[in-house]
Structures are given as C-alpha cells and as structure tokens.
C-alpha cells in the first residue's frame, strides 16, 4: 500500500531526482515551455505552480517578505537569473489569476521507447 507516499520516484536515486526536478523547473521558467514525458511533467507541475504563487503573492508584500520569498525560491532553484525572471517577468503576468498557471498538452508517443510525451507550458491570458 502507498498510504501517505507523495511524489514520483522517476526510477532515480534521491540526489538524481532532486537534480532532475531542479533542472526541469529552471528550464521551464527560462523557456516557458518544455517537451518532456508525462511522468516528469506531473512531477514538476505542482512545484512550479507553487513557486509562481510565492512570487505572485510577494509582489504586494512588505520589503522583508519580498526578500524572504526570493530566498525561498532561490533555495529551490539555485540560480539567481531564473529567480529574477520569475519575479520580474512571469509572476506579474499572473497577478489577477487565482491559480492554474500551467497547461499540459499531449504530443503522442516518443519514437524510441514509446514514452508518452507532453508539452508543459505557461498559460497565456
């Protein structure tokens, strides 16, 4: 039974899984869309939306809360340029949106191993 077991293992060790998620989320914020497998998209979608929400909510907070939010996101992503893009470009676009910042489009099976491929992208209003 899988009671209270959250997340996806993605057939990797803990360190490799953390590195994969961090890389996928950084690439997602840089390019605003990525082509990946369905399982990997499902694994990062919730965390990416959570990071966007943190950035969006910090826009109208006081100065100390803004710094705290940036540090929380930087701890997850590890790249200050991506954090800057998230807070300055991506989050203001979703200021009025209560959630649901991402969209998953099915692309069909991959040629080599027939894995289900999807396009994970930011929703444009």
N, C-alpha and C. Protein backbone atom coordinates (compact mmCIF):
# COMPACT_ATOMS: atom_id res chain seq x y z
N UNK A 1 0.83 -1.19 0.00
CA UNK A 1 0.00 0.00 0.00
C UNK A 1 0.87 1.25 0.00
N UNK A 2 0.36 2.29 -0.64
CA UNK A 2 1.12 3.53 -0.74
C UNK A 2 0.48 4.65 0.06
N UNK A 3 0.07 4.34 1.27
CA UNK A 3 -0.54 5.36 2.11
C UNK A 3 0.47 6.45 2.46
N UNK A 4 0.10 7.69 2.29
CA UNK A 4 0.90 8.86 2.64
C UNK A 4 2.27 8.87 1.95
N UNK A 5 2.33 8.35 0.73
CA UNK A 5 3.56 8.39 -0.05
C UNK A 5 3.30 9.33 -1.22
N UNK A 6 3.91 10.51 -1.18
CA UNK A 6 3.65 11.52 -2.20
C UNK A 6 4.83 11.64 -3.16
N UNK A 7 4.56 12.14 -4.34
CA UNK A 7 5.63 12.40 -5.29
C UNK A 7 5.91 11.23 -6.20
N UNK A 8 6.81 11.45 -7.14
CA UNK A 8 7.19 10.47 -8.13
C UNK A 8 8.66 10.13 -7.96
N UNK A 9 9.00 8.84 -7.98
CA UNK A 9 10.40 8.43 -7.86
C UNK A 9 11.16 8.56 -9.17
N UNK A 10 10.47 8.40 -10.27
CA UNK A 10 11.06 8.53 -11.60
C UNK A 10 12.25 7.60 -11.81
N UNK A 11 12.30 6.51 -11.10
CA UNK A 11 13.32 5.47 -11.24
C UNK A 11 14.73 6.02 -11.03
N UNK A 12 14.88 6.95 -10.05
CA UNK A 12 16.16 7.58 -9.76
C UNK A 12 16.42 7.61 -8.27
N UNK A 13 17.69 7.80 -7.92
CA UNK A 13 18.04 7.97 -6.52
C UNK A 13 17.60 9.36 -6.06
N UNK A 14 17.68 9.63 -4.76
CA UNK A 14 17.20 10.89 -4.22
C UNK A 14 17.93 12.09 -4.81
N UNK A 15 19.25 12.02 -4.87
CA UNK A 15 20.02 13.14 -5.40
C UNK A 15 19.76 13.38 -6.88
N UNK A 16 19.67 12.31 -7.64
CA UNK A 16 19.41 12.44 -9.08
C UNK A 16 18.00 12.98 -9.33
N UNK A 17 17.06 12.55 -8.50
CA UNK A 17 15.68 13.03 -8.63
C UNK A 17 15.59 14.52 -8.31
N UNK A 18 16.27 14.96 -7.27
CA UNK A 18 16.28 16.38 -6.91
C UNK A 18 16.92 17.20 -8.02
N UNK A 19 18.03 16.74 -8.55
CA UNK A 19 18.72 17.45 -9.62
C UNK A 19 17.85 17.52 -10.88
N UNK A 20 17.18 16.43 -11.21
CA UNK A 20 16.31 16.40 -12.38
C UNK A 20 15.17 17.40 -12.24
N UNK A 21 14.51 17.40 -11.09
CA UNK A 21 13.40 18.34 -10.87
C UNK A 21 13.88 19.78 -10.93
N UNK A 22 15.01 20.06 -10.30
CA UNK A 22 15.54 21.43 -10.30
C UNK A 22 15.86 21.88 -11.73
N UNK A 23 16.50 21.02 -12.51
CA UNK A 23 16.85 21.35 -13.88
C UNK A 23 15.61 21.55 -14.74
N UNK A 24 14.63 20.66 -14.60
CA UNK A 24 13.41 20.79 -15.40
C UNK A 24 12.66 22.07 -15.08
N UNK A 25 12.57 22.42 -13.80
CA UNK A 25 11.85 23.63 -13.41
C UNK A 25 12.59 24.87 -13.90
N UNK A 26 13.93 24.87 -13.80
CA UNK A 26 14.70 26.01 -14.30
C UNK A 26 14.50 26.17 -15.81
N UNK A 27 14.57 25.08 -16.56
CA UNK A 27 14.37 25.15 -18.00
C UNK A 27 12.94 25.58 -18.34
N UNK A 28 11.98 25.15 -17.52
CA UNK A 28 10.60 25.54 -17.74
C UNK A 28 10.42 27.05 -17.57
N UNK A 29 11.05 27.63 -16.56
CA UNK A 29 10.93 29.07 -16.34
C UNK A 29 11.74 29.87 -17.37
N UNK A 30 12.86 29.33 -17.85
CA UNK A 30 13.66 30.04 -18.84
C UNK A 30 12.93 30.07 -20.19
N UNK A 31 12.44 28.92 -20.64
CA UNK A 31 11.85 28.82 -21.98
C UNK A 31 10.33 28.96 -21.97
N UNK A 32 9.71 28.88 -20.82
CA UNK A 32 8.27 29.00 -20.60
C UNK A 32 7.48 27.86 -21.24
N UNK A 33 8.15 26.87 -21.75
CA UNK A 33 7.53 25.63 -22.20
C UNK A 33 8.63 24.58 -22.37
N UNK A 34 8.30 23.35 -22.03
CA UNK A 34 9.26 22.26 -22.22
C UNK A 34 8.53 21.04 -22.76
N UNK A 35 9.25 20.24 -23.50
CA UNK A 35 8.74 18.97 -24.02
C UNK A 35 9.40 17.87 -23.21
N UNK A 36 8.58 17.09 -22.51
CA UNK A 36 9.11 16.06 -21.63
C UNK A 36 8.10 14.92 -21.53
N UNK A 37 8.43 13.91 -20.74
CA UNK A 37 7.49 12.80 -20.56
C UNK A 37 6.37 13.21 -19.61
N UNK A 38 5.28 12.49 -19.68
CA UNK A 38 4.12 12.80 -18.84
C UNK A 38 4.44 12.69 -17.37
N UNK A 39 5.22 11.68 -16.98
CA UNK A 39 5.56 11.48 -15.57
C UNK A 39 6.43 12.61 -15.03
N UNK A 40 7.40 13.06 -15.82
CA UNK A 40 8.26 14.16 -15.38
C UNK A 40 7.47 15.47 -15.30
N UNK A 41 6.57 15.69 -16.26
CA UNK A 41 5.74 16.89 -16.22
C UNK A 41 4.84 16.89 -14.99
N UNK A 42 4.27 15.75 -14.67
CA UNK A 42 3.42 15.65 -13.48
C UNK A 42 4.23 15.85 -12.21
N UNK A 43 5.50 15.43 -12.23
CA UNK A 43 6.34 15.55 -11.05
C UNK A 43 6.72 17.00 -10.76
N UNK A 44 6.85 17.84 -11.79
CA UNK A 44 7.31 19.21 -11.56
C UNK A 44 6.19 20.24 -11.62
N UNK A 45 5.05 19.88 -12.14
CA UNK A 45 3.98 20.86 -12.35
C UNK A 45 3.54 21.53 -11.05
N UNK A 46 3.29 20.75 -10.03
CA UNK A 46 2.83 21.31 -8.76
C UNK A 46 3.84 22.24 -8.12
N UNK A 47 5.11 21.84 -8.15
CA UNK A 47 6.16 22.67 -7.55
C UNK A 47 6.36 23.96 -8.34
N UNK A 48 6.27 23.88 -9.66
CA UNK A 48 6.41 25.09 -10.48
C UNK A 48 5.27 26.07 -10.20
N UNK A 49 4.06 25.56 -10.09
CA UNK A 49 2.93 26.43 -9.78
C UNK A 49 3.07 27.04 -8.40
N UNK A 50 3.58 26.28 -7.45
CA UNK A 50 3.79 26.79 -6.10
C UNK A 50 4.82 27.93 -6.09
N UNK A 51 5.89 27.77 -6.86
CA UNK A 51 6.90 28.83 -6.94
C UNK A 51 6.34 30.10 -7.59
N UNK A 52 5.49 29.93 -8.60
CA UNK A 52 4.86 31.09 -9.21
C UNK A 52 3.95 31.79 -8.21
N UNK A 53 3.23 31.03 -7.41
CA UNK A 53 2.35 31.61 -6.40
C UNK A 53 3.14 32.37 -5.36
N UNK A 54 4.27 31.84 -4.93
CA UNK A 54 5.11 32.56 -3.96
C UNK A 54 5.56 33.89 -4.56
N UNK A 55 6.00 33.87 -5.81
CA UNK A 55 6.45 35.10 -6.46
C UNK A 55 5.30 36.08 -6.65
N UNK A 56 4.14 35.58 -7.01
CA UNK A 56 2.98 36.44 -7.24
C UNK A 56 2.51 37.10 -5.96
N UNK A 57 2.47 36.35 -4.87
CA UNK A 57 1.99 36.89 -3.60
C UNK A 57 2.97 37.86 -2.97
N UNK A 58 4.25 37.77 -3.32
CA UNK A 58 5.23 38.66 -2.72
C UNK A 58 5.22 40.05 -3.35
N UNK A 59 4.52 40.21 -4.46
CA UNK A 59 4.53 41.50 -5.17
C UNK A 59 3.96 42.62 -4.31
N UNK A 60 2.92 42.35 -3.55
CA UNK A 60 2.31 43.40 -2.74
C UNK A 60 2.60 43.22 -1.25
N UNK A 61 3.69 42.54 -0.93
CA UNK A 61 4.10 42.35 0.47
C UNK A 61 5.12 43.41 0.85
N UNK A 62 5.42 43.45 2.14
CA UNK A 62 6.43 44.42 2.59
C UNK A 62 7.83 43.93 2.20
N UNK A 63 8.82 44.78 2.38
CA UNK A 63 10.16 44.52 1.85
C UNK A 63 10.79 43.24 2.41
N UNK A 64 10.63 43.01 3.71
CA UNK A 64 11.21 41.81 4.32
C UNK A 64 10.58 40.54 3.76
N UNK A 65 9.28 40.58 3.48
CA UNK A 65 8.59 39.42 2.92
C UNK A 65 9.03 39.17 1.48
N UNK A 66 9.33 40.24 0.74
CA UNK A 66 9.82 40.07 -0.63
C UNK A 66 11.17 39.38 -0.65
N UNK A 67 12.04 39.80 0.26
CA UNK A 67 13.37 39.18 0.35
C UNK A 67 13.24 37.71 0.75
N UNK A 68 12.35 37.45 1.71
CA UNK A 68 12.14 36.08 2.17
C UNK A 68 11.63 35.20 1.02
N UNK A 69 10.70 35.72 0.24
CA UNK A 69 10.15 34.95 -0.88
C UNK A 69 11.23 34.65 -1.91
N UNK A 70 12.06 35.64 -2.22
CA UNK A 70 13.14 35.41 -3.18
C UNK A 70 14.13 34.36 -2.67
N UNK A 71 14.41 34.39 -1.39
CA UNK A 71 15.33 33.40 -0.83
C UNK A 71 14.73 32.01 -0.82
N UNK A 72 13.43 31.90 -0.55
CA UNK A 72 12.76 30.59 -0.61
C UNK A 72 12.86 29.99 -2.01
N UNK A 73 12.58 30.82 -3.01
CA UNK A 73 12.61 30.33 -4.39
C UNK A 73 14.05 30.03 -4.82
N UNK A 74 14.99 30.88 -4.42
CA UNK A 74 16.40 30.66 -4.77
C UNK A 74 16.93 29.37 -4.16
N UNK A 75 16.45 29.03 -2.97
CA UNK A 75 16.88 27.78 -2.33
C UNK A 75 16.40 26.57 -3.14
N UNK A 76 15.23 26.68 -3.77
CA UNK A 76 14.71 25.59 -4.58
C UNK A 76 15.37 25.51 -5.95
N UNK A 77 15.66 26.68 -6.55
CA UNK A 77 16.16 26.70 -7.93
C UNK A 77 17.68 26.78 -8.01
N UNK A 78 18.30 27.51 -7.10
CA UNK A 78 19.75 27.61 -7.09
C UNK A 78 20.34 28.49 -8.18
N UNK A 79 19.53 29.32 -8.83
CA UNK A 79 20.01 30.17 -9.93
C UNK A 79 19.34 31.53 -9.82
N UNK A 80 20.13 32.57 -9.56
CA UNK A 80 19.56 33.89 -9.34
C UNK A 80 18.98 34.51 -10.60
N UNK A 81 19.49 34.16 -11.77
CA UNK A 81 18.94 34.71 -13.00
C UNK A 81 17.53 34.19 -13.27
N UNK A 82 17.31 32.92 -12.96
CA UNK A 82 15.98 32.34 -13.12
C UNK A 82 15.02 32.95 -12.10
N UNK A 83 15.50 33.17 -10.87
CA UNK A 83 14.67 33.79 -9.83
C UNK A 83 14.27 35.19 -10.27
N UNK A 84 15.21 35.93 -10.82
CA UNK A 84 14.92 37.29 -11.29
C UNK A 84 13.86 37.26 -12.39
N UNK A 85 13.98 36.35 -13.35
CA UNK A 85 12.98 36.24 -14.42
C UNK A 85 11.62 35.86 -13.85
N UNK A 86 11.60 34.94 -12.89
CA UNK A 86 10.34 34.51 -12.30
C UNK A 86 9.64 35.67 -11.60
N UNK A 87 10.36 36.44 -10.81
CA UNK A 87 9.75 37.52 -10.03
C UNK A 87 9.45 38.75 -10.89
N UNK A 88 10.28 39.05 -11.89
CA UNK A 88 10.12 40.29 -12.65
C UNK A 88 9.27 40.13 -13.91
N UNK A 89 9.26 38.95 -14.52
CA UNK A 89 8.55 38.78 -15.78
C UNK A 89 7.35 37.84 -15.68
N UNK A 90 7.55 36.68 -15.07
CA UNK A 90 6.49 35.66 -15.08
C UNK A 90 5.39 35.97 -14.07
N UNK A 91 5.75 36.23 -12.83
CA UNK A 91 4.74 36.43 -11.77
C UNK A 91 3.80 37.61 -12.04
N UNK A 92 4.28 38.76 -12.54
CA UNK A 92 3.33 39.85 -12.79
C UNK A 92 2.26 39.52 -13.83
N UNK A 93 2.55 38.60 -14.74
CA UNK A 93 1.55 38.20 -15.73
C UNK A 93 0.36 37.50 -15.09
N UNK A 94 0.59 36.85 -13.95
CA UNK A 94 -0.45 36.07 -13.30
C UNK A 94 -0.98 36.75 -12.04
N UNK A 95 -0.85 38.07 -11.97
CA UNK A 95 -1.25 38.82 -10.77
C UNK A 95 -2.74 38.66 -10.47
N UNK A 96 -3.56 38.61 -11.47
CA UNK A 96 -5.02 38.51 -11.27
C UNK A 96 -5.54 37.08 -11.36
N UNK A 97 -4.67 36.14 -11.69
CA UNK A 97 -5.11 34.75 -11.87
C UNK A 97 -5.00 33.99 -10.55
N UNK A 98 -6.06 33.33 -10.09
CA UNK A 98 -6.03 32.66 -8.79
C UNK A 98 -5.29 31.33 -8.77
N UNK A 99 -4.84 30.84 -9.89
CA UNK A 99 -4.12 29.56 -9.94
C UNK A 99 -4.20 29.00 -11.34
N UNK A 100 -3.68 27.81 -11.54
CA UNK A 100 -3.72 27.17 -12.85
C UNK A 100 -2.87 27.89 -13.86
N UNK A 101 -1.57 28.01 -13.56
CA UNK A 101 -0.66 28.76 -14.41
C UNK A 101 -0.06 27.93 -15.53
N UNK A 102 -0.24 26.61 -15.47
CA UNK A 102 0.40 25.74 -16.45
C UNK A 102 -0.64 24.94 -17.23
N UNK A 103 -0.22 24.45 -18.39
CA UNK A 103 -1.07 23.64 -19.24
C UNK A 103 -0.24 22.47 -19.74
N UNK A 104 -0.85 21.28 -19.82
CA UNK A 104 -0.18 20.09 -20.33
C UNK A 104 -0.89 19.66 -21.61
N UNK A 105 -0.15 19.62 -22.71
CA UNK A 105 -0.69 19.19 -24.00
C UNK A 105 -0.04 17.87 -24.39
N UNK A 106 -0.83 16.87 -24.70
CA UNK A 106 -0.30 15.58 -25.10
C UNK A 106 0.23 15.64 -26.53
N UNK A 107 1.40 15.03 -26.73
CA UNK A 107 2.04 15.04 -28.04
C UNK A 107 2.09 13.67 -28.71
N UNK A 108 1.80 12.63 -27.96
CA UNK A 108 1.88 11.29 -28.52
C UNK A 108 3.13 10.58 -28.05
N UNK A 109 3.32 9.35 -28.48
CA UNK A 109 4.47 8.56 -28.02
C UNK A 109 5.79 8.99 -28.64
N UNK A 110 6.86 8.83 -27.86
CA UNK A 110 8.21 9.10 -28.36
C UNK A 110 8.64 7.96 -29.28
N UNK A 111 9.41 8.27 -30.30
CA UNK A 111 9.79 7.29 -31.30
C UNK A 111 10.61 6.13 -30.73
N UNK A 112 11.57 6.42 -29.85
CA UNK A 112 12.49 5.39 -29.39
C UNK A 112 11.91 4.37 -28.45
N UNK A 113 11.17 4.84 -27.42
CA UNK A 113 10.70 3.91 -26.41
C UNK A 113 9.20 3.99 -26.15
N UNK A 114 8.48 4.75 -26.97
CA UNK A 114 7.03 4.88 -26.89
C UNK A 114 6.56 5.50 -25.57
N UNK A 115 7.42 6.31 -24.93
CA UNK A 115 7.00 7.02 -23.73
C UNK A 115 6.04 8.14 -24.11
N UNK A 116 5.03 8.37 -23.27
CA UNK A 116 4.06 9.43 -23.54
C UNK A 116 4.73 10.78 -23.39
N UNK A 117 4.76 11.57 -24.46
CA UNK A 117 5.38 12.89 -24.43
C UNK A 117 4.30 13.96 -24.31
N UNK A 118 4.65 15.02 -23.57
CA UNK A 118 3.73 16.13 -23.37
C UNK A 118 4.49 17.45 -23.52
N UNK A 119 3.74 18.51 -23.73
CA UNK A 119 4.29 19.87 -23.74
C UNK A 119 3.71 20.55 -22.50
N UNK A 120 4.61 20.94 -21.60
CA UNK A 120 4.22 21.68 -20.39
C UNK A 120 4.53 23.14 -20.66
N UNK A 121 3.51 24.00 -20.58
CA UNK A 121 3.72 25.41 -20.91
C UNK A 121 2.94 26.30 -19.96
N UNK A 122 3.38 27.55 -19.90
CA UNK A 122 2.68 28.55 -19.11
C UNK A 122 1.44 29.00 -19.87
N UNK A 123 0.36 29.21 -19.15
CA UNK A 123 -0.88 29.66 -19.75
C UNK A 123 -0.77 31.15 -20.07
N UNK A 124 -1.14 31.53 -21.26
CA UNK A 124 -1.17 32.95 -21.64
C UNK A 124 -2.61 33.41 -21.54
N UNK A 125 -2.80 34.59 -21.06
CA UNK A 125 -4.17 35.06 -20.86
C UNK A 125 -4.74 35.71 -22.08
